[in-house]
Amino acid sequence: MLIDYIKSLPKDGFLELEKEVELWISYKKQGMIEARQKLIEHYQFLVFREAMKYSLQETIILDLIQEGTVGLMEAVEVFDPERKVAFSLFAIHRIRGRMIDFLKKHNQEILVGMEQEEQVFSLVPAADNAFELADRKELCEAVEKAIERLPEKEQKVIRNVYLNEQTALETAEELSVTTAYVYQLQKRGVRRLRGMLSKLMHERK
């Protein structure tokens, strides 16, 4: 379930620059697999952020996370830390590319685009570097609090679709409404969440 994945994300904040440099040296120059794994775990949050830009069922979101993780691993393999480019900016292109390729291959409709329109849970601007990412634990708590502030039906739809693996049809039957209305509630809920979370990040700057 998606909620289990969220709970598994590192909650000890971001790596200090000195520590990250040490990990890159350990992996790239000494071949330490443990350092590679720590880098992948730390930057897994980039995958989560990117996957949550899409308003899709949880099973597809989990597929996107899996594809994005492959892209992240590829980025770690080919990244050259001596080029002085933030890894987060380098990796996001491979993560995003993997996800888009998956959606195209499986003919899934992208309900929330990658353009300059609204973006679901896009808390940190793409231009920010890795050391400016929000603390993982705080972000997870912020998402949960934001969901709790939604109107009752929107909250129910968001939890069912994204956290409880329910289809729109199952949720519609539970709420005694049409499937179309469930999609409307989902879109409204996503917009509200995005607004609340974006405001939070603006206040943190």
N, C-alpha and C. Protein backbone atom coordinates (compact mmCIF):
# COMPACT_ATOMS: atom_id res chain seq x y z
N MET A 1 0.83 -1.20 0.00
CA MET A 1 0.00 0.00 0.00
C MET A 1 0.86 1.26 0.00
N LEU A 2 0.30 2.31 -0.54
CA LEU A 2 1.05 3.56 -0.64
C LEU A 2 1.43 4.09 0.73
N ILE A 3 0.54 3.94 1.70
CA ILE A 3 0.82 4.47 3.04
C ILE A 3 2.03 3.78 3.64
N ASP A 4 2.21 2.49 3.33
CA ASP A 4 3.38 1.75 3.84
C ASP A 4 4.65 2.29 3.20
N TYR A 5 4.56 2.61 1.91
CA TYR A 5 5.73 3.18 1.22
C TYR A 5 6.11 4.52 1.84
N ILE A 6 5.10 5.35 2.10
CA ILE A 6 5.36 6.67 2.70
C ILE A 6 6.04 6.52 4.05
N LYS A 7 5.55 5.56 4.84
CA LYS A 7 6.14 5.34 6.17
C LYS A 7 7.58 4.85 6.07
N SER A 8 7.92 4.19 4.96
CA SER A 8 9.27 3.65 4.81
C SER A 8 10.29 4.70 4.39
N LEU A 9 9.82 5.88 3.97
CA LEU A 9 10.75 6.92 3.54
C LEU A 9 11.60 7.39 4.71
N PRO A 10 12.86 7.73 4.46
CA PRO A 10 13.73 8.23 5.54
C PRO A 10 13.10 9.44 6.23
N LYS A 11 13.16 9.45 7.54
CA LYS A 11 12.55 10.55 8.30
C LYS A 11 13.58 11.30 9.13
N ASP A 12 14.84 11.14 8.77
CA ASP A 12 15.90 11.78 9.55
C ASP A 12 16.43 13.04 8.88
N GLY A 13 15.60 13.65 8.01
CA GLY A 13 16.01 14.91 7.40
C GLY A 13 16.96 14.70 6.24
N PHE A 14 17.53 15.80 5.74
CA PHE A 14 18.41 15.71 4.59
C PHE A 14 19.86 15.50 5.01
N LEU A 15 20.64 14.98 4.08
CA LEU A 15 22.06 14.77 4.34
C LEU A 15 22.80 16.09 4.34
N GLU A 16 23.74 16.23 5.25
CA GLU A 16 24.62 17.39 5.20
C GLU A 16 25.54 17.23 4.00
N LEU A 17 25.96 18.35 3.45
CA LEU A 17 26.80 18.34 2.25
C LEU A 17 28.05 17.47 2.44
N GLU A 18 28.70 17.62 3.57
CA GLU A 18 29.93 16.88 3.84
C GLU A 18 29.66 15.38 3.84
N LYS A 19 28.55 14.96 4.45
CA LYS A 19 28.21 13.54 4.52
C LYS A 19 27.88 13.00 3.13
N GLU A 20 27.17 13.78 2.33
CA GLU A 20 26.83 13.31 0.99
C GLU A 20 28.08 13.18 0.13
N VAL A 21 28.99 14.13 0.24
CA VAL A 21 30.25 14.06 -0.51
C VAL A 21 31.00 12.78 -0.14
N GLU A 22 31.00 12.45 1.14
CA GLU A 22 31.67 11.23 1.60
C GLU A 22 31.05 9.99 0.96
N LEU A 23 29.73 9.98 0.87
CA LEU A 23 29.04 8.83 0.27
C LEU A 23 29.38 8.68 -1.20
N TRP A 24 29.41 9.81 -1.91
CA TRP A 24 29.75 9.74 -3.34
C TRP A 24 31.18 9.24 -3.54
N ILE A 25 32.11 9.71 -2.73
CA ILE A 25 33.49 9.26 -2.83
C ILE A 25 33.58 7.77 -2.53
N SER A 26 32.87 7.35 -1.48
CA SER A 26 32.91 5.94 -1.08
C SER A 26 32.40 5.03 -2.19
N TYR A 27 31.37 5.50 -2.89
CA TYR A 27 30.81 4.66 -3.94
C TYR A 27 31.59 4.76 -5.25
N LYS A 28 31.80 5.98 -5.69
CA LYS A 28 32.42 6.17 -7.01
C LYS A 28 33.90 5.78 -7.05
N LYS A 29 34.62 6.04 -5.97
CA LYS A 29 36.06 5.78 -5.99
C LYS A 29 36.47 4.50 -5.26
N GLN A 30 35.60 4.06 -4.32
CA GLN A 30 35.96 2.87 -3.55
C GLN A 30 35.01 1.70 -3.80
N GLY A 31 33.95 1.98 -4.55
CA GLY A 31 33.02 0.91 -4.92
C GLY A 31 32.20 0.35 -3.79
N MET A 32 31.96 1.13 -2.75
CA MET A 32 31.20 0.65 -1.59
C MET A 32 29.70 0.62 -1.92
N ILE A 33 29.14 -0.57 -1.97
CA ILE A 33 27.73 -0.75 -2.29
C ILE A 33 26.83 -0.14 -1.21
N GLU A 34 27.29 -0.18 0.03
CA GLU A 34 26.50 0.38 1.13
C GLU A 34 26.29 1.88 0.93
N ALA A 35 27.31 2.57 0.45
CA ALA A 35 27.19 4.01 0.19
C ALA A 35 26.19 4.26 -0.93
N ARG A 36 26.21 3.43 -1.95
CA ARG A 36 25.26 3.54 -3.06
C ARG A 36 23.84 3.39 -2.54
N GLN A 37 23.61 2.40 -1.69
CA GLN A 37 22.28 2.15 -1.16
C GLN A 37 21.78 3.31 -0.31
N LYS A 38 22.69 3.91 0.46
CA LYS A 38 22.30 5.05 1.30
C LYS A 38 21.90 6.25 0.44
N LEU A 39 22.59 6.45 -0.67
CA LEU A 39 22.25 7.54 -1.58
C LEU A 39 20.88 7.30 -2.20
N ILE A 40 20.62 6.07 -2.61
CA ILE A 40 19.33 5.74 -3.21
C ILE A 40 18.20 5.92 -2.20
N GLU A 41 18.43 5.48 -0.98
CA GLU A 41 17.41 5.63 0.07
C GLU A 41 17.15 7.10 0.36
N HIS A 42 18.21 7.87 0.44
CA HIS A 42 18.05 9.30 0.75
C HIS A 42 17.26 10.02 -0.34
N TYR A 43 17.56 9.73 -1.60
CA TYR A 43 16.92 10.43 -2.70
C TYR A 43 15.62 9.78 -3.17
N GLN A 44 15.18 8.75 -2.46
CA GLN A 44 13.92 8.11 -2.80
C GLN A 44 12.76 9.11 -2.72
N PHE A 45 12.96 10.15 -1.93
CA PHE A 45 11.89 11.13 -1.78
C PHE A 45 11.64 11.90 -3.09
N LEU A 46 12.64 12.00 -3.94
CA LEU A 46 12.44 12.60 -5.26
C LEU A 46 11.44 11.78 -6.07
N VAL A 47 11.52 10.47 -5.94
CA VAL A 47 10.61 9.57 -6.65
C VAL A 47 9.19 9.78 -6.14
N PHE A 48 9.03 9.85 -4.83
CA PHE A 48 7.71 10.06 -4.23
C PHE A 48 7.09 11.37 -4.71
N ARG A 49 7.87 12.44 -4.65
CA ARG A 49 7.37 13.74 -5.09
C ARG A 49 6.90 13.70 -6.54
N GLU A 50 7.68 13.07 -7.39
CA GLU A 50 7.35 13.03 -8.82
C GLU A 50 6.11 12.19 -9.07
N ALA A 51 6.01 11.05 -8.41
CA ALA A 51 4.86 10.16 -8.61
C ALA A 51 3.56 10.82 -8.16
N MET A 52 3.64 11.63 -7.11
CA MET A 52 2.43 12.24 -6.56
C MET A 52 1.96 13.44 -7.37
N LYS A 53 2.61 13.73 -8.48
CA LYS A 53 2.13 14.78 -9.37
C LYS A 53 0.98 14.28 -10.24
N TYR A 54 0.75 12.97 -10.20
CA TYR A 54 -0.28 12.38 -11.05
C TYR A 54 -1.49 11.96 -10.22
N SER A 55 -2.67 12.34 -10.70
CA SER A 55 -3.91 11.97 -10.03
C SER A 55 -4.39 10.64 -10.61
N LEU A 56 -3.81 9.56 -10.11
CA LEU A 56 -4.11 8.22 -10.61
C LEU A 56 -4.38 7.28 -9.45
N GLN A 57 -4.89 6.09 -9.76
CA GLN A 57 -5.18 5.12 -8.72
C GLN A 57 -3.89 4.68 -8.04
N GLU A 58 -4.04 4.20 -6.82
CA GLU A 58 -2.86 3.87 -6.02
C GLU A 58 -2.00 2.80 -6.67
N THR A 59 -2.61 1.81 -7.29
CA THR A 59 -1.82 0.75 -7.91
C THR A 59 -0.91 1.31 -9.00
N ILE A 60 -1.40 2.30 -9.75
CA ILE A 60 -0.60 2.90 -10.81
C ILE A 60 0.48 3.80 -10.20
N ILE A 61 0.13 4.52 -9.13
CA ILE A 61 1.11 5.34 -8.43
C ILE A 61 2.28 4.47 -7.96
N LEU A 62 1.96 3.29 -7.41
CA LEU A 62 3.01 2.38 -6.95
C LEU A 62 3.87 1.89 -8.11
N ASP A 63 3.25 1.66 -9.27
CA ASP A 63 4.02 1.29 -10.46
C ASP A 63 4.96 2.42 -10.86
N LEU A 64 4.46 3.66 -10.78
CA LEU A 64 5.29 4.82 -11.11
C LEU A 64 6.47 4.93 -10.15
N ILE A 65 6.21 4.67 -8.88
CA ILE A 65 7.29 4.72 -7.88
C ILE A 65 8.35 3.67 -8.20
N GLN A 66 7.89 2.49 -8.62
CA GLN A 66 8.84 1.44 -8.98
C GLN A 66 9.69 1.86 -10.18
N GLU A 67 9.04 2.42 -11.20
CA GLU A 67 9.76 2.87 -12.39
C GLU A 67 10.70 4.03 -12.04
N GLY A 68 10.20 4.95 -11.23
CA GLY A 68 11.02 6.09 -10.83
C GLY A 68 12.24 5.67 -10.04
N THR A 69 12.10 4.62 -9.24
CA THR A 69 13.23 4.12 -8.46
C THR A 69 14.30 3.55 -9.39
N VAL A 70 13.87 2.89 -10.47
CA VAL A 70 14.83 2.40 -11.46
C VAL A 70 15.59 3.58 -12.07
N GLY A 71 14.84 4.65 -12.39
CA GLY A 71 15.48 5.85 -12.93
C GLY A 71 16.46 6.46 -11.95
N LEU A 72 16.09 6.45 -10.67
CA LEU A 72 16.98 6.96 -9.62
C LEU A 72 18.26 6.14 -9.55
N MET A 73 18.13 4.83 -9.61
CA MET A 73 19.30 3.95 -9.56
C MET A 73 20.20 4.18 -10.77
N GLU A 74 19.59 4.38 -11.92
CA GLU A 74 20.38 4.67 -13.12
C GLU A 74 21.14 5.98 -12.96
N ALA A 75 20.47 6.97 -12.37
CA ALA A 75 21.10 8.27 -12.18
C ALA A 75 22.30 8.17 -11.24
N VAL A 76 22.15 7.38 -10.18
CA VAL A 76 23.27 7.19 -9.24
C VAL A 76 24.45 6.55 -9.95
N GLU A 77 24.16 5.63 -10.87
CA GLU A 77 25.23 4.91 -11.57
C GLU A 77 26.05 5.85 -12.46
N VAL A 78 25.39 6.76 -13.16
CA VAL A 78 26.11 7.56 -14.17
C VAL A 78 26.47 8.97 -13.69
N PHE A 79 26.00 9.36 -12.52
CA PHE A 79 26.26 10.71 -12.02
C PHE A 79 27.74 10.93 -11.74
N ASP A 80 28.23 12.08 -12.14
CA ASP A 80 29.61 12.46 -11.87
C ASP A 80 29.62 13.62 -10.86
N PRO A 81 29.89 13.32 -9.59
CA PRO A 81 29.85 14.37 -8.56
C PRO A 81 30.86 15.48 -8.77
N GLU A 82 31.87 15.24 -9.58
CA GLU A 82 32.90 16.25 -9.80
C GLU A 82 32.44 17.34 -10.76
N ARG A 83 31.28 17.16 -11.38
CA ARG A 83 30.77 18.16 -12.32
C ARG A 83 30.08 19.32 -11.59
N LYS A 84 29.94 19.22 -10.28
CA LYS A 84 29.39 20.29 -9.45
C LYS A 84 27.94 20.62 -9.82
N VAL A 85 27.19 19.62 -10.23
CA VAL A 85 25.76 19.78 -10.51
C VAL A 85 24.98 19.07 -9.42
N ALA A 86 23.96 19.72 -8.88
CA ALA A 86 23.17 19.09 -7.83
C ALA A 86 22.57 17.78 -8.33
N PHE A 87 22.76 16.72 -7.57
CA PHE A 87 22.26 15.41 -8.01
C PHE A 87 20.75 15.41 -8.17
N SER A 88 20.05 16.15 -7.35
CA SER A 88 18.58 16.18 -7.43
C SER A 88 18.13 16.68 -8.80
N LEU A 89 18.81 17.67 -9.34
CA LEU A 89 18.46 18.21 -10.66
C LEU A 89 18.82 17.22 -11.76
N PHE A 90 19.92 16.52 -11.57
CA PHE A 90 20.35 15.52 -12.55
C PHE A 90 19.41 14.32 -12.55
N ALA A 91 19.05 13.85 -11.36
CA ALA A 91 18.28 12.62 -11.25
C ALA A 91 16.83 12.78 -11.67
N ILE A 92 16.26 13.95 -11.46
CA ILE A 92 14.82 14.12 -11.70
C ILE A 92 14.46 13.86 -13.16
N HIS A 93 15.38 14.13 -14.08
CA HIS A 93 15.10 13.90 -15.50
C HIS A 93 14.95 12.41 -15.80
N ARG A 94 15.80 11.60 -15.20
CA ARG A 94 15.70 10.16 -15.41
C ARG A 94 14.48 9.58 -14.70
N ILE A 95 14.21 10.07 -13.51
CA ILE A 95 13.04 9.61 -12.76
C ILE A 95 11.77 9.93 -13.54
N ARG A 96 11.65 11.17 -13.97
CA ARG A 96 10.47 11.62 -14.71
C ARG A 96 10.35 10.88 -16.04
N GLY A 97 11.48 10.70 -16.72
CA GLY A 97 11.46 10.01 -18.01
C GLY A 97 10.96 8.58 -17.89
N ARG A 98 11.40 7.88 -16.85
CA ARG A 98 10.94 6.51 -16.61
C ARG A 98 9.43 6.46 -16.38
N MET A 99 8.93 7.40 -15.61
CA MET A 99 7.50 7.41 -15.31
C MET A 99 6.68 7.72 -16.57
N ILE A 100 7.12 8.68 -17.34
CA ILE A 100 6.39 9.06 -18.56
C ILE A 100 6.41 7.90 -19.56
N ASP A 101 7.54 7.22 -19.68
CA ASP A 101 7.61 6.07 -20.58
C ASP A 101 6.64 4.98 -20.15
N PHE A 102 6.53 4.77 -18.85
CA PHE A 102 5.60 3.76 -18.33
C PHE A 102 4.16 4.12 -18.68
N LEU A 103 3.80 5.39 -18.45
CA LEU A 103 2.43 5.83 -18.73
C LEU A 103 2.10 5.72 -20.21
N LYS A 104 3.06 6.07 -21.05
CA LYS A 104 2.83 5.96 -22.49
C LYS A 104 2.67 4.50 -22.91
N LYS A 105 3.51 3.65 -22.36
CA LYS A 105 3.48 2.23 -22.71
C LYS A 105 2.16 1.59 -22.31
N HIS A 106 1.63 2.00 -21.17
CA HIS A 106 0.40 1.39 -20.67
C HIS A 106 -0.83 2.24 -20.98
N ASN A 107 -0.62 3.27 -21.77
CA ASN A 107 -1.74 4.07 -22.26
C ASN A 107 -2.59 4.65 -21.13
N GLN A 108 -1.93 5.14 -20.07
CA GLN A 108 -2.65 5.74 -18.96
C GLN A 108 -2.82 7.25 -19.17
N GLU A 109 -3.98 7.73 -18.85
CA GLU A 109 -4.25 9.16 -19.00
C GLU A 109 -3.60 9.93 -17.86
N ILE A 110 -2.84 10.94 -18.20
CA ILE A 110 -2.24 11.80 -17.17
C ILE A 110 -3.25 12.88 -16.82
N LEU A 111 -3.81 12.81 -15.61
CA LEU A 111 -4.85 13.75 -15.22
C LEU A 111 -4.27 15.06 -14.70
N VAL A 112 -3.09 14.96 -14.14
CA VAL A 112 -2.44 16.19 -13.66
C VAL A 112 -1.11 16.30 -14.39
N GLY A 113 -0.97 17.27 -15.29
CA GLY A 113 0.17 17.36 -16.18
C GLY A 113 1.45 17.80 -15.51
N MET A 114 2.51 17.78 -16.34
CA MET A 114 3.81 18.20 -15.88
C MET A 114 4.11 19.63 -16.29
N GLU A 115 3.14 20.28 -16.92
CA GLU A 115 3.37 21.62 -17.39
C GLU A 115 3.39 22.60 -16.23
N GLN A 116 3.17 23.87 -16.52
CA GLN A 116 3.21 24.88 -15.48
C GLN A 116 1.85 25.02 -14.80
N GLU A 117 1.04 23.97 -14.91
CA GLU A 117 -0.25 23.97 -14.25
C GLU A 117 -0.08 23.48 -12.83
N GLU A 118 -1.20 23.17 -12.18
CA GLU A 118 -1.17 22.71 -10.81
C GLU A 118 -0.46 21.37 -10.73
N GLN A 119 0.26 21.14 -9.62
CA GLN A 119 1.00 19.90 -9.44
C GLN A 119 0.69 19.34 -8.05
N VAL A 120 0.31 18.07 -8.03
CA VAL A 120 -0.10 17.45 -6.79
C VAL A 120 1.09 17.23 -5.87
N PHE A 121 1.01 17.76 -4.64
CA PHE A 121 2.02 17.56 -3.62
C PHE A 121 3.40 18.03 -4.05
N SER A 122 3.46 19.00 -4.99
CA SER A 122 4.77 19.49 -5.42
C SER A 122 5.22 20.55 -4.42
N LEU A 123 5.74 20.11 -3.31
CA LEU A 123 6.04 21.02 -2.20
C LEU A 123 7.32 21.81 -2.39
N VAL A 124 8.25 21.24 -3.12
CA VAL A 124 9.55 21.90 -3.28
C VAL A 124 9.77 22.24 -4.74
N PRO A 125 10.02 23.49 -5.10
CA PRO A 125 10.25 23.86 -6.50
C PRO A 125 11.35 23.03 -7.12
N ALA A 126 11.23 22.75 -8.40
CA ALA A 126 12.19 21.88 -9.07
C ALA A 126 13.60 22.45 -9.04
N ALA A 127 13.72 23.77 -8.91
CA ALA A 127 15.05 24.39 -8.95
C ALA A 127 15.80 24.22 -7.64
N ASP A 128 15.11 23.81 -6.58
CA ASP A 128 15.78 23.65 -5.30
C ASP A 128 16.77 22.50 -5.36
N ASN A 129 17.88 22.61 -4.64
CA ASN A 129 18.81 21.49 -4.63
C ASN A 129 18.47 20.53 -3.50
N ALA A 130 19.22 19.45 -3.44
CA ALA A 130 18.88 18.37 -2.52
C ALA A 130 18.92 18.80 -1.06
N PHE A 131 19.75 19.78 -0.76
CA PHE A 131 19.93 20.15 0.63
C PHE A 131 18.83 21.09 1.13
N GLU A 132 17.88 21.44 0.25
CA GLU A 132 16.78 22.30 0.65
C GLU A 132 15.46 21.53 0.75
N LEU A 133 15.52 20.21 0.61
CA LEU A 133 14.30 19.41 0.70
C LEU A 133 13.74 19.46 2.12
N ALA A 134 12.41 19.43 2.22
CA ALA A 134 11.77 19.45 3.53
C ALA A 134 12.06 18.17 4.28
N ASP A 135 12.07 18.28 5.60
CA ASP A 135 12.27 17.12 6.44
C ASP A 135 11.19 16.09 6.13
N ARG A 136 11.60 14.82 5.95
CA ARG A 136 10.66 13.78 5.54
C ARG A 136 9.51 13.58 6.54
N LYS A 137 9.85 13.50 7.79
CA LYS A 137 8.83 13.27 8.80
C LYS A 137 7.84 14.41 8.83
N GLU A 138 8.33 15.63 8.78
CA GLU A 138 7.45 16.79 8.82
C GLU A 138 6.52 16.82 7.62
N LEU A 139 7.03 16.45 6.44
CA LEU A 139 6.21 16.46 5.25
C LEU A 139 5.09 15.43 5.33
N CYS A 140 5.43 14.21 5.78
CA CYS A 140 4.41 13.17 5.93
C CYS A 140 3.31 13.62 6.89
N GLU A 141 3.72 14.25 7.98
CA GLU A 141 2.75 14.75 8.96
C GLU A 141 1.91 15.86 8.36
N ALA A 142 2.53 16.70 7.53
CA ALA A 142 1.79 17.81 6.90
C ALA A 142 0.74 17.28 5.93
N VAL A 143 1.09 16.23 5.19
CA VAL A 143 0.13 15.63 4.25
C VAL A 143 -1.06 15.09 5.01
N GLU A 144 -0.80 14.38 6.10
CA GLU A 144 -1.89 13.80 6.89
C GLU A 144 -2.79 14.88 7.48
N LYS A 145 -2.18 15.94 8.01
CA LYS A 145 -2.97 17.03 8.59
C LYS A 145 -3.80 17.74 7.52
N ALA A 146 -3.22 17.89 6.33
CA ALA A 146 -3.94 18.54 5.24
C ALA A 146 -5.15 17.71 4.83
N ILE A 147 -4.98 16.40 4.76
CA ILE A 147 -6.11 15.52 4.41
C ILE A 147 -7.22 15.66 5.43
N GLU A 148 -6.86 15.75 6.71
CA GLU A 148 -7.85 15.86 7.77
C GLU A 148 -8.64 17.16 7.68
N ARG A 149 -8.11 18.17 7.03
CA ARG A 149 -8.79 19.47 6.90
C ARG A 149 -9.74 19.51 5.71
N LEU A 150 -9.73 18.50 4.88
CA LEU A 150 -10.62 18.47 3.72
C LEU A 150 -12.07 18.25 4.15
N PRO A 151 -13.03 18.72 3.34
CA PRO A 151 -14.43 18.38 3.58
C PRO A 151 -14.57 16.86 3.65
N GLU A 152 -15.58 16.40 4.38
CA GLU A 152 -15.70 14.98 4.68
C GLU A 152 -15.66 14.08 3.44
N LYS A 153 -16.44 14.41 2.42
CA LYS A 153 -16.50 13.54 1.24
C LYS A 153 -15.19 13.57 0.45
N GLU A 154 -14.57 14.74 0.34
CA GLU A 154 -13.29 14.83 -0.37
C GLU A 154 -12.22 14.03 0.38
N GLN A 155 -12.25 14.14 1.70
CA GLN A 155 -11.30 13.39 2.52
C GLN A 155 -11.49 11.88 2.32
N LYS A 156 -12.73 11.46 2.27
CA LYS A 156 -13.04 10.05 2.08
C LYS A 156 -12.52 9.55 0.73
N VAL A 157 -12.74 10.34 -0.30
CA VAL A 157 -12.30 9.95 -1.64
C VAL A 157 -10.78 9.88 -1.71
N ILE A 158 -10.10 10.88 -1.18
CA ILE A 158 -8.63 10.90 -1.22
C ILE A 158 -8.05 9.69 -0.49
N ARG A 159 -8.59 9.40 0.68
CA ARG A 159 -8.09 8.25 1.45
C ARG A 159 -8.37 6.93 0.72
N ASN A 160 -9.58 6.81 0.17
CA ASN A 160 -9.93 5.57 -0.52
C ASN A 160 -9.08 5.33 -1.75
N VAL A 161 -8.95 6.37 -2.58
CA VAL A 161 -8.25 6.21 -3.86
C VAL A 161 -6.75 6.06 -3.68
N TYR A 162 -6.14 6.92 -2.82
CA TYR A 162 -4.69 6.95 -2.71
C TYR A 162 -4.12 6.05 -1.62
N LEU A 163 -4.90 5.81 -0.58
CA LEU A 163 -4.36 5.07 0.55
C LEU A 163 -4.96 3.69 0.76
N ASN A 164 -6.23 3.50 0.35
CA ASN A 164 -6.92 2.25 0.65
C ASN A 164 -7.14 1.34 -0.55
N GLU A 165 -6.54 1.69 -1.67
CA GLU A 165 -6.58 0.85 -2.88
C GLU A 165 -8.00 0.61 -3.40
N GLN A 166 -8.90 1.53 -3.17
CA GLN A 166 -10.25 1.40 -3.69
C GLN A 166 -10.36 2.04 -5.07
N THR A 167 -11.21 1.46 -5.91
CA THR A 167 -11.47 2.06 -7.21
C THR A 167 -12.50 3.17 -7.05
N ALA A 168 -12.64 3.98 -8.10
CA ALA A 168 -13.64 5.04 -8.08
C ALA A 168 -15.04 4.46 -7.95
N LEU A 169 -15.27 3.33 -8.60
CA LEU A 169 -16.59 2.69 -8.54
C LEU A 169 -16.91 2.22 -7.13
N GLU A 170 -15.95 1.62 -6.46
CA GLU A 170 -16.17 1.16 -5.09
C GLU A 170 -16.45 2.33 -4.16
N THR A 171 -15.72 3.41 -4.35
CA THR A 171 -15.94 4.60 -3.52
C THR A 171 -17.30 5.21 -3.81
N ALA A 172 -17.70 5.23 -5.07
CA ALA A 172 -19.00 5.77 -5.46
C ALA A 172 -20.13 4.98 -4.79
N GLU A 173 -20.00 3.66 -4.77
CA GLU A 173 -21.01 2.82 -4.13
C GLU A 173 -21.06 3.06 -2.62
N GLU A 174 -19.89 3.24 -2.03
CA GLU A 174 -19.82 3.48 -0.58
C GLU A 174 -20.48 4.80 -0.21
N LEU A 175 -20.31 5.82 -1.06
CA LEU A 175 -20.86 7.14 -0.77
C LEU A 175 -22.25 7.35 -1.39
N SER A 176 -22.71 6.35 -2.14
CA SER A 176 -24.02 6.44 -2.81
C SER A 176 -24.08 7.63 -3.77
N VAL A 177 -23.02 7.77 -4.56
CA VAL A 177 -22.95 8.83 -5.57
C VAL A 177 -22.48 8.20 -6.89
N THR A 178 -22.44 8.99 -7.94
CA THR A 178 -21.96 8.50 -9.24
C THR A 178 -20.44 8.49 -9.29
N THR A 179 -19.89 7.69 -10.19
CA THR A 179 -18.45 7.65 -10.37
C THR A 179 -17.92 9.02 -10.82
N ALA A 180 -18.69 9.68 -11.67
CA ALA A 180 -18.29 11.00 -12.15
C ALA A 180 -18.14 11.98 -10.99
N TYR A 181 -19.05 11.86 -10.02
CA TYR A 181 -18.99 12.77 -8.87
C TYR A 181 -17.76 12.46 -8.01
N VAL A 182 -17.39 11.18 -7.93
CA VAL A 182 -16.19 10.80 -7.19
C VAL A 182 -14.96 11.46 -7.81
N TYR A 183 -14.89 11.45 -9.15
CA TYR A 183 -13.76 12.09 -9.83
C TYR A 183 -13.74 13.59 -9.55
N GLN A 184 -14.92 14.20 -9.49
CA GLN A 184 -15.00 15.64 -9.17
C GLN A 184 -14.47 15.89 -7.76
N LEU A 185 -14.90 15.06 -6.83
CA LEU A 185 -14.43 15.20 -5.44
C LEU A 185 -12.92 14.99 -5.36
N GLN A 186 -12.43 14.04 -6.13
CA GLN A 186 -10.99 13.76 -6.13
C GLN A 186 -10.21 14.98 -6.63
N LYS A 187 -10.64 15.55 -7.73
CA LYS A 187 -9.94 16.71 -8.29
C LYS A 187 -10.00 17.90 -7.33
N ARG A 188 -11.16 18.12 -6.71
CA ARG A 188 -11.28 19.24 -5.76
C ARG A 188 -10.39 19.01 -4.55
N GLY A 189 -10.39 17.76 -4.06
CA GLY A 189 -9.55 17.44 -2.90
C GLY A 189 -8.08 17.63 -3.18
N VAL A 190 -7.66 17.20 -4.37
CA VAL A 190 -6.26 17.35 -4.77
C VAL A 190 -5.88 18.82 -4.84
N ARG A 191 -6.77 19.64 -5.40
CA ARG A 191 -6.48 21.08 -5.50
C ARG A 191 -6.34 21.71 -4.12
N ARG A 192 -7.24 21.33 -3.21
CA ARG A 192 -7.16 21.88 -1.85
C ARG A 192 -5.86 21.46 -1.17
N LEU A 193 -5.51 20.19 -1.31
CA LEU A 193 -4.28 19.69 -0.69
C LEU A 193 -3.06 20.42 -1.25
N ARG A 194 -3.06 20.57 -2.55
CA ARG A 194 -1.94 21.26 -3.19
C ARG A 194 -1.81 22.69 -2.66
N GLY A 195 -2.93 23.35 -2.52
CA GLY A 195 -2.91 24.72 -2.02
C GLY A 195 -2.38 24.80 -0.60
N MET A 196 -2.88 23.90 0.27
CA MET A 196 -2.45 23.91 1.66
C MET A 196 -0.97 23.59 1.79
N LEU A 197 -0.50 22.59 1.04
CA LEU A 197 0.89 22.17 1.15
C LEU A 197 1.85 23.16 0.51
N SER A 198 1.41 23.79 -0.58
CA SER A 198 2.25 24.80 -1.21
C SER A 198 2.41 26.01 -0.29
N LYS A 199 1.34 26.36 0.40
CA LYS A 199 1.39 27.47 1.36
C LYS A 199 2.37 27.15 2.48
N LEU A 200 2.36 25.88 2.92
CA LEU A 200 3.28 25.46 3.97
C LEU A 200 4.73 25.66 3.54
N MET A 201 5.05 25.23 2.31
CA MET A 201 6.42 25.36 1.83
C MET A 201 6.81 26.82 1.64
N HIS A 202 5.85 27.66 1.23
CA HIS A 202 6.14 29.08 1.06
C HIS A 202 6.49 29.70 2.41
N GLU A 203 5.80 29.28 3.46
CA GLU A 203 6.05 29.83 4.79
C GLU A 203 7.40 29.36 5.34
N ARG A 204 7.89 28.20 4.84
CA ARG A 204 9.17 27.66 5.32
C ARG A 204 10.36 28.39 4.75
N LYS A 205 10.15 29.08 3.62
CA LYS A 205 11.28 29.75 2.95
C LYS A 205 11.76 30.96 3.75
